[in-house]
Amino acid sequence: MELSSFNEIICPFNTEWKFHKADLMDLVDKENDFALRNFDTECLNGKSYYAYNIPGLQYYLAIYPNGDDEEDRGETWAFLIFYGSNERRISAEYTISVKSANFSKNVNRFFGDDDGWGSILCKTDEFFDSKSKYFVNGEIIINVKGILKAKRPSTSIISAPISLQWKIKEYDLKVEMEESDNGYLYSETVVVSSFPEVSYYLSFTPNRIKGGNQSMTEVSLHIEFENEEKIEAVYDICIDSANYRESDHEIFESETAGWGLVVCSTNDLFDPLKRFIVNGVLTIDFNGILMVKRDQFFTLNVFKSP
């Protein structure tokens, strides 16, 4: 196994993602040659993972059952996507495989921030065929195994994991909507033990209206700090019951109010078929990494020979 050097960080990884066939089928119209039902939801994003020794590097797998653009319609693709690498290129050498279908493909590429590379699995009709070997007991298991390489940063980076599960009652969402447009609900505030005077929390807007357009919902990350000039955050937000998973990579400065991600329309939020709210509760899972750069100082001891 390759080892990290003074100038380069090496991170081996071996990650598995599972997707349910029924969830992928919901994205396409089987009776219309598997045409996409909604071009805003072309894919399912898998769980996000973070490289254990490359600060802030996040990666996840996304499946596009009917391609990610017009040229690829009629084909099923799997993309490995990276976040948090805008100041450095990531070298990735890996094999993507589906053991049940005897499928494997080797990839060797460089990646930037919010960058990915797709591998075609098969034709869409073959993918969803009742005799397809891609699915076992109603789910597909995709494995990605390989090595990530990144240039070691010239300044040291102190990082800290962050996580939060927030349960919001449907009643509270409706009360907030009745009281005002663009109103906010707030999670608990979490203090980051390894960063003095740094804390974070989430906010949720059930009916954000911009420019008279359709009412949307939005979840935002807020970071409060005093002693740092800026803090970098790479994170993902998941509503597992609705297969909602989104990632973001932002810089927070003292005047930054927060960074938000659109979740869905207000109508979809309260639609039981969309499953954002289950048993009267909206459950949001949040994970990520906070990073602060520190200058490195080296002490050089010079000895004179006698």
C-alpha atoms as a PDB file:
ATOM      1  CA  MET A   1       0.000   0.000   0.000  1.00  0.00           C
ATOM      2  CA  GLU A   2       1.278   3.460  -0.901  1.00  0.00           C
ATOM      3  CA  LEU A   3       2.116   5.778   1.978  1.00  0.00           C
ATOM      4  CA  SER A   4       1.749   9.539   2.252  1.00  0.00           C
ATOM      5  CA  SER A   5       4.899  11.599   1.732  1.00  0.00           C
ATOM      6  CA  PHE A   6       6.058  15.071   2.770  1.00  0.00           C
ATOM      7  CA  ASN A   7       4.534  16.630  -0.368  1.00  0.00           C
ATOM      8  CA  GLU A   8       1.572  14.334  -0.973  1.00  0.00           C
ATOM      9  CA  ILE A   9      -1.313  12.859   0.999  1.00  0.00           C
ATOM     10  CA  ILE A  10      -2.505   9.394  -0.012  1.00  0.00           C
ATOM     11  CA  CYS A  11      -5.911   8.130   1.076  1.00  0.00           C
ATOM     12  CA  PRO A  12      -7.045   4.582   0.233  1.00  0.00           C
ATOM     13  CA  PHE A  13     -10.810   4.083   0.235  1.00  0.00           C
ATOM     14  CA  ASN A  14     -13.245   1.215  -0.198  1.00  0.00           C
ATOM     15  CA  THR A  15     -16.850   2.384  -0.092  1.00  0.00           C
ATOM     16  CA  GLU A  16     -20.197   0.742  -0.791  1.00  0.00           C
ATOM     17  CA  TRP A  17     -23.498   2.364  -1.760  1.00  0.00           C
ATOM     18  CA  LYS A  18     -26.945   0.768  -1.870  1.00  0.00           C
ATOM     19  CA  PHE A  19     -29.905   2.050  -3.885  1.00  0.00           C
ATOM     20  CA  HIS A  20     -33.438   0.638  -3.922  1.00  0.00           C
ATOM     21  CA  LYS A  21     -34.890  -0.258  -7.305  1.00  0.00           C
ATOM     22  CA  ALA A  22     -38.268   1.221  -6.338  1.00  0.00           C
ATOM     23  CA  ASP A  23     -36.670   4.608  -5.593  1.00  0.00           C
ATOM     24  CA  LEU A  24     -34.898   4.636  -8.966  1.00  0.00           C
ATOM     25  CA  MET A  25     -38.092   3.569 -10.738  1.00  0.00           C
ATOM     26  CA  ASP A  26     -39.846   6.596  -9.230  1.00  0.00           C
ATOM     27  CA  LEU A  27     -37.588   8.837 -11.346  1.00  0.00           C
ATOM     28  CA  VAL A  28     -38.697   7.384 -14.695  1.00  0.00           C
ATOM     29  CA  ASP A  29     -41.888   6.554 -16.580  1.00  0.00           C
ATOM     30  CA  LYS A  30     -41.699   2.873 -17.481  1.00  0.00           C
ATOM     31  CA  GLU A  31     -44.637   3.143 -19.886  1.00  0.00           C
ATOM     32  CA  ASN A  32     -42.926   5.951 -21.817  1.00  0.00           C
ATOM     33  CA  ASP A  33     -39.537   4.359 -22.598  1.00  0.00           C
ATOM     34  CA  PHE A  34     -38.292   5.213 -19.105  1.00  0.00           C
ATOM     35  CA  ALA A  35     -38.527   8.953 -19.789  1.00  0.00           C
ATOM     36  CA  LEU A  36     -37.678  11.143 -16.806  1.00  0.00           C
ATOM     37  CA  ARG A  37     -40.705  12.222 -14.794  1.00  0.00           C
ATOM     38  CA  ASN A  38     -39.027  15.451 -13.699  1.00  0.00           C
ATOM     39  CA  PHE A  39     -35.828  16.933 -15.129  1.00  0.00           C
ATOM     40  CA  ASP A  40     -35.090  18.520 -11.735  1.00  0.00           C
ATOM     41  CA  THR A  41     -34.662  15.033 -10.243  1.00  0.00           C
ATOM     42  CA  GLU A  42     -32.578  13.120 -12.765  1.00  0.00           C
ATOM     43  CA  CYS A  43     -30.645  11.122 -10.192  1.00  0.00           C
ATOM     44  CA  LEU A  44     -30.420   9.693  -6.704  1.00  0.00           C
ATOM     45  CA  ASN A  45     -27.486  10.793  -4.565  1.00  0.00           C
ATOM     46  CA  GLY A  46     -25.941   8.244  -2.233  1.00  0.00           C
ATOM     47  CA  LYS A  47     -24.570   8.865   1.236  1.00  0.00           C
ATOM     48  CA  SER A  48     -21.643  11.288   1.477  1.00  0.00           C
ATOM     49  CA  TYR A  49     -18.300  10.192   2.895  1.00  0.00           C
ATOM     50  CA  TYR A  50     -15.240  12.195   3.954  1.00  0.00           C
ATOM     51  CA  ALA A  51     -11.606  11.293   3.268  1.00  0.00           C
ATOM     52  CA  TYR A  52     -10.083  10.548   6.650  1.00  0.00           C
ATOM     53  CA  ASN A  53      -6.727  12.269   6.026  1.00  0.00           C
ATOM     54  CA  ILE A  54      -7.479  14.856   3.312  1.00  0.00           C
ATOM     55  CA  PRO A  55      -9.176  17.727   5.182  1.00  0.00           C
ATOM     56  CA  GLY A  56     -12.624  18.595   3.860  1.00  0.00           C
ATOM     57  CA  LEU A  57     -12.673  16.200   0.915  1.00  0.00           C
ATOM     58  CA  GLN A  58     -16.167  14.777   0.499  1.00  0.00           C
ATOM     59  CA  TYR A  59     -17.275  12.219  -2.057  1.00  0.00           C
ATOM     60  CA  TYR A  60     -20.485  10.421  -2.956  1.00  0.00           C
ATOM     61  CA  LEU A  61     -22.039   8.297  -5.698  1.00  0.00           C
ATOM     62  CA  ALA A  62     -25.003   9.372  -7.830  1.00  0.00           C
ATOM     63  CA  ILE A  63     -27.065   7.154 -10.154  1.00  0.00           C
ATOM     64  CA  TYR A  64     -28.723   8.604 -13.252  1.00  0.00           C
ATOM     65  CA  PRO A  65     -31.151   5.887 -14.441  1.00  0.00           C
ATOM     66  CA  ASN A  66     -31.748   7.650 -17.776  1.00  0.00           C
ATOM     67  CA  GLY A  67     -28.532   9.599 -18.333  1.00  0.00           C
ATOM     68  CA  ASP A  68     -27.426  13.024 -17.113  1.00  0.00           C
ATOM     69  CA  ASP A  69     -27.927  14.844 -20.444  1.00  0.00           C
ATOM     70  CA  GLU A  70     -29.711  14.402 -23.765  1.00  0.00           C
ATOM     71  CA  GLU A  71     -26.794  12.549 -25.351  1.00  0.00           C
ATOM     72  CA  ASP A  72     -26.987   9.841 -22.704  1.00  0.00           C
ATOM     73  CA  ARG A  73     -30.742   9.237 -22.600  1.00  0.00           C
ATOM     74  CA  GLY A  74     -31.547   5.540 -22.645  1.00  0.00           C
ATOM     75  CA  GLU A  75     -28.447   4.725 -20.593  1.00  0.00           C
ATOM     76  CA  THR A  76     -27.895   4.260 -16.856  1.00  0.00           C
ATOM     77  CA  TRP A  77     -24.842   6.016 -15.421  1.00  0.00           C
ATOM     78  CA  ALA A  78     -23.084   6.055 -12.046  1.00  0.00           C
ATOM     79  CA  PHE A  79     -21.056   9.161 -11.123  1.00  0.00           C
ATOM     80  CA  LEU A  80     -18.451   9.510  -8.394  1.00  0.00           C
ATOM     81  CA  ILE A  81     -18.546  13.162  -7.296  1.00  0.00           C
ATOM     82  CA  PHE A  82     -16.076  15.144  -5.166  1.00  0.00           C
ATOM     83  CA  TYR A  83     -16.614  18.268  -3.058  1.00  0.00           C
ATOM     84  CA  GLY A  84     -14.194  20.477  -1.158  1.00  0.00           C
ATOM     85  CA  SER A  85     -11.166  20.457  -3.448  1.00  0.00           C
ATOM     86  CA  ASN A  86     -11.256  23.869  -5.143  1.00  0.00           C
ATOM     87  CA  GLU A  87      -7.716  24.859  -4.107  1.00  0.00           C
ATOM     88  CA  ARG A  88      -6.111  21.567  -5.084  1.00  0.00           C
ATOM     89  CA  ARG A  89      -6.519  18.881  -7.651  1.00  0.00           C
ATOM     90  CA  ILE A  90      -7.407  15.424  -6.442  1.00  0.00           C
ATOM     91  CA  SER A  91      -5.924  12.447  -8.232  1.00  0.00           C
ATOM     92  CA  ALA A  92      -8.285   9.470  -8.071  1.00  0.00           C
ATOM     93  CA  GLU A  93      -7.512   5.974  -9.243  1.00  0.00           C
ATOM     94  CA  TYR A  94     -10.352   3.577  -8.532  1.00  0.00           C
ATOM     95  CA  THR A  95     -12.492   0.665  -9.696  1.00  0.00           C
ATOM     96  CA  ILE A  96     -16.280   0.932  -9.708  1.00  0.00           C
ATOM     97  CA  SER A  97     -18.041  -2.426  -9.626  1.00  0.00           C
ATOM     98  CA  VAL A  98     -21.394  -4.188  -9.313  1.00  0.00           C
ATOM     99  CA  LYS A  99     -20.533  -7.723  -8.266  1.00  0.00           C
ATOM    100  CA  SER A 100     -23.953  -9.245  -8.987  1.00  0.00           C
ATOM    101  CA  ALA A 101     -23.817  -8.093 -12.629  1.00  0.00           C
ATOM    102  CA  ASN A 102     -20.124  -8.920 -13.074  1.00  0.00           C
ATOM    103  CA  PHE A 103     -19.558  -5.249 -13.927  1.00  0.00           C
ATOM    104  CA  SER A 104     -16.353  -3.339 -13.224  1.00  0.00           C
ATOM    105  CA  LYS A 105     -14.573  -0.348 -14.700  1.00  0.00           C
ATOM    106  CA  ASN A 106     -11.264   1.302 -13.873  1.00  0.00           C
ATOM    107  CA  VAL A 107     -10.969   5.100 -13.701  1.00  0.00           C
ATOM    108  CA  ASN A 108      -7.860   7.270 -13.364  1.00  0.00           C
ATOM    109  CA  ARG A 109      -8.559  11.020 -13.351  1.00  0.00           C
ATOM    110  CA  PHE A 110      -7.947  14.397 -11.711  1.00  0.00           C
ATOM    111  CA  PHE A 111     -10.856  16.176 -10.016  1.00  0.00           C
ATOM    112  CA  GLY A 112     -11.610  19.731  -8.884  1.00  0.00           C
ATOM    113  CA  ASP A 113     -14.361  21.021  -6.587  1.00  0.00           C
ATOM    114  CA  ASP A 114     -17.914  19.811  -7.316  1.00  0.00           C
ATOM    115  CA  ASP A 115     -16.457  17.596 -10.007  1.00  0.00           C
ATOM    116  CA  GLY A 116     -17.363  14.065 -11.002  1.00  0.00           C
ATOM    117  CA  TRP A 117     -16.856  11.340 -13.541  1.00  0.00           C
ATOM    118  CA  GLY A 118     -19.507   8.989 -14.842  1.00  0.00           C
ATOM    119  CA  SER A 119     -19.368   5.354 -15.858  1.00  0.00           C
ATOM    120  CA  ILE A 120     -22.102   3.823 -17.997  1.00  0.00           C
ATOM    121  CA  LEU A 121     -23.556   0.695 -16.404  1.00  0.00           C
ATOM    122  CA  CYS A 122     -25.861  -0.465 -19.208  1.00  0.00           C
ATOM    123  CA  LYS A 123     -28.923   0.510 -21.240  1.00  0.00           C
ATOM    124  CA  THR A 124     -31.831   1.792 -19.140  1.00  0.00           C
ATOM    125  CA  ASP A 125     -34.244  -0.925 -20.269  1.00  0.00           C
ATOM    126  CA  GLU A 126     -31.652  -3.587 -19.421  1.00  0.00           C
ATOM    127  CA  PHE A 127     -31.041  -1.962 -16.035  1.00  0.00           C
ATOM    128  CA  PHE A 128     -34.709  -2.185 -15.051  1.00  0.00           C
ATOM    129  CA  ASP A 129     -35.438  -5.517 -16.756  1.00  0.00           C
ATOM    130  CA  SER A 130     -37.050  -8.096 -14.476  1.00  0.00           C
ATOM    131  CA  LYS A 131     -34.124 -10.435 -15.192  1.00  0.00           C
ATOM    132  CA  SER A 132     -31.520  -7.758 -14.492  1.00  0.00           C
ATOM    133  CA  LYS A 133     -28.576  -8.929 -12.423  1.00  0.00           C
ATOM    134  CA  TYR A 134     -27.912  -5.407 -11.208  1.00  0.00           C
ATOM    135  CA  PHE A 135     -30.589  -5.754  -8.533  1.00  0.00           C
ATOM    136  CA  VAL A 136     -30.619  -8.391  -5.795  1.00  0.00           C
ATOM    137  CA  ASN A 137     -33.591  -8.435  -3.425  1.00  0.00           C
ATOM    138  CA  GLY A 138     -34.717  -5.092  -4.822  1.00  0.00           C
ATOM    139  CA  GLU A 139     -31.480  -3.172  -4.389  1.00  0.00           C
ATOM    140  CA  ILE A 140     -28.259  -2.484  -6.271  1.00  0.00           C
ATOM    141  CA  ILE A 141     -24.931  -2.501  -4.431  1.00  0.00           C
ATOM    142  CA  ILE A 142     -22.146  -0.449  -6.014  1.00  0.00           C
ATOM    143  CA  ASN A 143     -18.610  -0.647  -4.679  1.00  0.00           C
ATOM    144  CA  VAL A 144     -15.848   1.869  -5.350  1.00  0.00           C
ATOM    145  CA  LYS A 145     -12.321   0.962  -4.287  1.00  0.00           C
ATOM    146  CA  GLY A 146      -9.186   2.933  -4.958  1.00  0.00           C
ATOM    147  CA  ILE A 147      -6.703   5.595  -3.911  1.00  0.00           C
ATOM    148  CA  LEU A 148      -7.057   9.372  -3.612  1.00  0.00           C
ATOM    149  CA  LYS A 149      -4.000  11.619  -3.780  1.00  0.00           C
ATOM    150  CA  ALA A 150      -3.735  15.314  -2.934  1.00  0.00           C
ATOM    151  CA  LYS A 151      -0.872  17.767  -2.667  1.00  0.00           C
ATOM    152  CA  ARG A 152      -0.083  18.492   0.951  1.00  0.00           C
ATOM    153  CA  PRO A 153      -1.156  22.098   1.717  1.00  0.00           C
ATOM    154  CA  SER A 154       1.538  24.703   2.352  1.00  0.00           C
ATOM    155  CA  THR A 155      -0.312  25.849   5.462  1.00  0.00           C
ATOM    156  CA  SER A 156      -1.607  23.485   8.094  1.00  0.00           C
ATOM    157  CA  ILE A 157      -5.358  22.906   8.221  1.00  0.00           C
ATOM    158  CA  ILE A 158      -7.123  22.269  11.501  1.00  0.00           C
ATOM    159  CA  SER A 159     -10.396  20.453  10.946  1.00  0.00           C
ATOM    160  CA  ALA A 160     -13.302  19.354  13.104  1.00  0.00           C
ATOM    161  CA  PRO A 161     -16.243  17.071  12.272  1.00  0.00           C
ATOM    162  CA  ILE A 162     -19.724  18.487  12.734  1.00  0.00           C
ATOM    163  CA  SER A 163     -23.054  16.672  12.870  1.00  0.00           C
ATOM    164  CA  LEU A 164     -26.613  17.288  13.922  1.00  0.00           C
ATOM    165  CA  GLN A 165     -29.962  15.543  13.668  1.00  0.00           C
ATOM    166  CA  TRP A 166     -32.903  17.919  13.781  1.00  0.00           C
ATOM    167  CA  LYS A 167     -36.499  16.783  14.165  1.00  0.00           C
ATOM    168  CA  ILE A 168     -39.133  19.418  13.333  1.00  0.00           C
ATOM    169  CA  LYS A 169     -42.791  18.829  14.121  1.00  0.00           C
ATOM    170  CA  GLU A 170     -45.249  19.338  11.272  1.00  0.00           C
ATOM    171  CA  TYR A 171     -47.342  21.429  13.656  1.00  0.00           C
ATOM    172  CA  ASP A 172     -44.462  23.882  14.206  1.00  0.00           C
ATOM    173  CA  LEU A 173     -43.914  24.195  10.446  1.00  0.00           C
ATOM    174  CA  LYS A 174     -47.552  25.081   9.872  1.00  0.00           C
ATOM    175  CA  VAL A 175     -47.619  27.564  12.742  1.00  0.00           C
ATOM    176  CA  GLU A 176     -44.563  29.337  11.310  1.00  0.00           C
ATOM    177  CA  MET A 177     -46.237  29.554   7.900  1.00  0.00           C
ATOM    178  CA  GLU A 178     -49.365  31.071   9.393  1.00  0.00           C
ATOM    179  CA  GLU A 179     -47.369  33.716  11.225  1.00  0.00           C
ATOM    180  CA  SER A 180     -45.282  34.996   8.297  1.00  0.00           C
ATOM    181  CA  ASP A 181     -43.784  34.414   4.860  1.00  0.00           C
ATOM    182  CA  ASN A 182     -40.041  33.742   4.813  1.00  0.00           C
ATOM    183  CA  GLY A 183     -40.116  32.870   8.514  1.00  0.00           C
ATOM    184  CA  TYR A 184     -37.483  30.675  10.172  1.00  0.00           C
ATOM    185  CA  LEU A 185     -37.328  27.758  12.557  1.00  0.00           C
ATOM    186  CA  TYR A 186     -34.003  27.156  14.328  1.00  0.00           C
ATOM    187  CA  SER A 187     -32.233  24.040  15.566  1.00  0.00           C
ATOM    188  CA  GLU A 188     -30.220  23.806  18.752  1.00  0.00           C
ATOM    189  CA  THR A 189     -26.815  25.499  18.725  1.00  0.00           C
ATOM    190  CA  VAL A 190     -23.819  23.161  18.867  1.00  0.00           C
ATOM    191  CA  VAL A 191     -20.437  24.280  20.217  1.00  0.00           C
ATOM    192  CA  VAL A 192     -17.341  22.923  18.429  1.00  0.00           C
ATOM    193  CA  SER A 193     -15.108  21.760  21.258  1.00  0.00           C
ATOM    194  CA  SER A 194     -11.869  21.833  19.243  1.00  0.00           C
ATOM    195  CA  PHE A 195     -12.470  25.398  17.963  1.00  0.00           C
ATOM    196  CA  PRO A 196     -12.726  27.956  20.798  1.00  0.00           C
ATOM    197  CA  GLU A 197     -15.801  30.168  20.503  1.00  0.00           C
ATOM    198  CA  VAL A 198     -17.097  28.475  17.332  1.00  0.00           C
ATOM    199  CA  SER A 199     -20.666  27.184  17.179  1.00  0.00           C
ATOM    200  CA  TYR A 200     -23.182  26.291  14.483  1.00  0.00           C
ATOM    201  CA  TYR A 201     -26.885  25.721  13.969  1.00  0.00           C
ATOM    202  CA  LEU A 202     -29.402  25.116  11.181  1.00  0.00           C
ATOM    203  CA  SER A 203     -32.439  27.113  10.142  1.00  0.00           C
ATOM    204  CA  PHE A 204     -35.419  25.975   8.085  1.00  0.00           C
ATOM    205  CA  THR A 205     -37.796  28.136   6.075  1.00  0.00           C
ATOM    206  CA  PRO A 206     -41.062  26.362   5.140  1.00  0.00           C
ATOM    207  CA  ASN A 207     -42.295  29.062   2.750  1.00  0.00           C
ATOM    208  CA  ARG A 208     -39.555  31.172   1.189  1.00  0.00           C
ATOM    209  CA  ILE A 209     -40.977  33.372  -1.556  1.00  0.00           C
ATOM    210  CA  LYS A 210     -38.607  35.168  -3.919  1.00  0.00           C
ATOM    211  CA  GLY A 211     -39.839  37.567  -6.578  1.00  0.00           C
ATOM    212  CA  GLY A 212     -43.394  36.308  -6.421  1.00  0.00           C
ATOM    213  CA  ASN A 213     -42.367  32.826  -7.533  1.00  0.00           C
ATOM    214  CA  GLN A 214     -43.502  29.493  -6.148  1.00  0.00           C
ATOM    215  CA  SER A 215     -43.131  29.083  -2.395  1.00  0.00           C
ATOM    216  CA  MET A 216     -40.082  26.927  -1.626  1.00  0.00           C
ATOM    217  CA  THR A 217     -38.471  25.418   1.452  1.00  0.00           C
ATOM    218  CA  GLU A 218     -34.854  26.041   2.394  1.00  0.00           C
ATOM    219  CA  VAL A 219     -32.401  24.729   4.976  1.00  0.00           C
ATOM    220  CA  SER A 220     -29.386  26.864   5.921  1.00  0.00           C
ATOM    221  CA  LEU A 221     -26.174  26.458   7.899  1.00  0.00           C
ATOM    222  CA  HIS A 222     -25.094  29.257  10.245  1.00  0.00           C
ATOM    223  CA  ILE A 223     -21.689  29.469  11.932  1.00  0.00           C
ATOM    224  CA  GLU A 224     -20.885  31.893  14.749  1.00  0.00           C
ATOM    225  CA  PHE A 225     -17.286  32.753  15.646  1.00  0.00           C
ATOM    226  CA  GLU A 226     -15.113  35.610  16.902  1.00  0.00           C
ATOM    227  CA  ASN A 227     -11.426  34.729  16.806  1.00  0.00           C
ATOM    228  CA  GLU A 228     -11.187  33.379  13.257  1.00  0.00           C
ATOM    229  CA  GLU A 229     -10.969  35.442  10.071  1.00  0.00           C
ATOM    230  CA  LYS A 230     -12.908  32.839   8.101  1.00  0.00           C
ATOM    231  CA  ILE A 231     -14.005  29.224   8.359  1.00  0.00           C
ATOM    232  CA  GLU A 232     -14.389  26.794   5.491  1.00  0.00           C
ATOM    233  CA  ALA A 233     -17.203  24.234   5.612  1.00  0.00           C
ATOM    234  CA  VAL A 234     -17.883  21.147   3.518  1.00  0.00           C
ATOM    235  CA  TYR A 235     -21.133  19.457   4.467  1.00  0.00           C
ATOM    236  CA  ASP A 236     -24.138  17.425   3.404  1.00  0.00           C
ATOM    237  CA  ILE A 237     -27.790  17.569   4.362  1.00  0.00           C
ATOM    238  CA  CYS A 238     -30.030  14.521   4.161  1.00  0.00           C
ATOM    239  CA  ILE A 239     -33.757  13.853   4.550  1.00  0.00           C
ATOM    240  CA  ASP A 240     -33.557  10.102   4.209  1.00  0.00           C
ATOM    241  CA  SER A 241     -37.283   9.360   4.032  1.00  0.00           C
ATOM    242  CA  ALA A 242     -37.615  11.519   0.882  1.00  0.00           C
ATOM    243  CA  ASN A 243     -34.273  10.484  -0.683  1.00  0.00           C
ATOM    244  CA  TYR A 244     -33.118  14.101  -0.406  1.00  0.00           C
ATOM    245  CA  ARG A 245     -29.327  14.459  -0.212  1.00  0.00           C
ATOM    246  CA  GLU A 246     -27.431  17.610  -1.109  1.00  0.00           C
ATOM    247  CA  SER A 247     -23.869  18.779  -0.512  1.00  0.00           C
ATOM    248  CA  ASP A 248     -22.287  22.210  -0.262  1.00  0.00           C
ATOM    249  CA  HIS A 249     -18.864  23.814   0.138  1.00  0.00           C
ATOM    250  CA  GLU A 250     -18.775  27.384   1.457  1.00  0.00           C
ATOM    251  CA  ILE A 251     -16.550  29.990   3.094  1.00  0.00           C
ATOM    252  CA  PHE A 252     -17.985  31.663   6.202  1.00  0.00           C
ATOM    253  CA  GLU A 253     -16.744  35.093   7.261  1.00  0.00           C
ATOM    254  CA  SER A 254     -17.849  37.162  10.235  1.00  0.00           C
ATOM    255  CA  GLU A 255     -20.486  38.979   8.173  1.00  0.00           C
ATOM    256  CA  THR A 256     -21.858  35.793   6.562  1.00  0.00           C
ATOM    257  CA  ALA A 257     -25.456  35.329   7.671  1.00  0.00           C
ATOM    258  CA  GLY A 258     -25.582  31.734   6.451  1.00  0.00           C
ATOM    259  CA  TRP A 259     -25.642  29.537   3.354  1.00  0.00           C
ATOM    260  CA  GLY A 260     -28.808  27.786   2.253  1.00  0.00           C
ATOM    261  CA  LEU A 261     -29.949  24.883   0.085  1.00  0.00           C
ATOM    262  CA  VAL A 262     -33.381  24.576  -1.505  1.00  0.00           C
ATOM    263  CA  VAL A 263     -35.119  21.405  -0.333  1.00  0.00           C
ATOM    264  CA  CYS A 264     -38.433  21.285  -2.211  1.00  0.00           C
ATOM    265  CA  SER A 265     -41.591  23.267  -2.876  1.00  0.00           C
ATOM    266  CA  THR A 266     -43.811  24.059   0.093  1.00  0.00           C
ATOM    267  CA  ASN A 267     -46.537  21.914  -1.463  1.00  0.00           C
ATOM    268  CA  ASP A 268     -44.187  18.937  -1.737  1.00  0.00           C
ATOM    269  CA  LEU A 269     -43.096  19.366   1.876  1.00  0.00           C
ATOM    270  CA  PHE A 270     -46.621  18.661   3.095  1.00  0.00           C
ATOM    271  CA  ASP A 271     -47.495  16.077   0.417  1.00  0.00           C
ATOM    272  CA  PRO A 272     -47.638  12.666   2.196  1.00  0.00           C
ATOM    273  CA  LEU A 273     -46.563  10.905  -1.004  1.00  0.00           C
ATOM    274  CA  LYS A 274     -43.260  12.826  -1.055  1.00  0.00           C
ATOM    275  CA  ARG A 275     -42.408  11.529   2.456  1.00  0.00           C
ATOM    276  CA  PHE A 276     -40.571  14.594   3.692  1.00  0.00           C
ATOM    277  CA  ILE A 277     -42.732  14.464   6.803  1.00  0.00           C
ATOM    278  CA  VAL A 278     -43.219  11.027   8.374  1.00  0.00           C
ATOM    279  CA  ASN A 279     -45.453  10.473  11.402  1.00  0.00           C
ATOM    280  CA  GLY A 280     -45.782  14.227  11.808  1.00  0.00           C
ATOM    281  CA  VAL A 281     -42.024  14.897  11.894  1.00  0.00           C
ATOM    282  CA  LEU A 282     -39.468  16.255   9.402  1.00  0.00           C
ATOM    283  CA  THR A 283     -36.062  14.698  10.192  1.00  0.00           C
ATOM    284  CA  ILE A 284     -32.943  16.460   8.887  1.00  0.00           C
ATOM    285  CA  ASP A 285     -29.514  14.827   9.194  1.00  0.00           C
ATOM    286  CA  PHE A 286     -26.510  17.117   8.858  1.00  0.00           C
ATOM    287  CA  ASN A 287     -22.826  16.128   8.641  1.00  0.00           C
ATOM    288  CA  GLY A 288     -19.670  17.886   7.582  1.00  0.00           C
ATOM    289  CA  ILE A 289     -16.212  19.256   8.288  1.00  0.00           C
ATOM    290  CA  LEU A 290     -15.133  22.716   9.486  1.00  0.00           C
ATOM    291  CA  MET A 291     -11.631  23.876   8.563  1.00  0.00           C
ATOM    292  CA  VAL A 292      -9.354  26.702   9.639  1.00  0.00           C
ATOM    293  CA  LYS A 293      -5.943  27.388   8.099  1.00  0.00           C
ATOM    294  CA  ARG A 294      -2.929  27.916  10.342  1.00  0.00           C
ATOM    295  CA  ASP A 295       0.527  29.136   9.300  1.00  0.00           C
ATOM    296  CA  GLN A 296       3.239  26.570   9.739  1.00  0.00           C
ATOM    297  CA  PHE A 297       6.460  27.547  11.453  1.00  0.00           C
ATOM    298  CA  PHE A 298       9.520  25.389  11.229  1.00  0.00           C
ATOM    299  CA  THR A 299      12.515  25.619  13.557  1.00  0.00           C
ATOM    300  CA  LEU A 300      15.820  24.909  11.852  1.00  0.00           C
ATOM    301  CA  ASN A 301      18.639  23.888  14.156  1.00  0.00           C
ATOM    302  CA  VAL A 302      22.115  24.526  12.706  1.00  0.00           C
ATOM    303  CA  PHE A 303      25.059  22.720  14.213  1.00  0.00           C
ATOM    304  CA  LYS A 304      28.687  23.587  13.529  1.00  0.00           C
ATOM    305  CA  SER A 305      31.124  20.788  13.169  1.00  0.00           C
ATOM    306  CA  PRO A 306      33.936  20.912  15.697  1.00  0.00           C
END
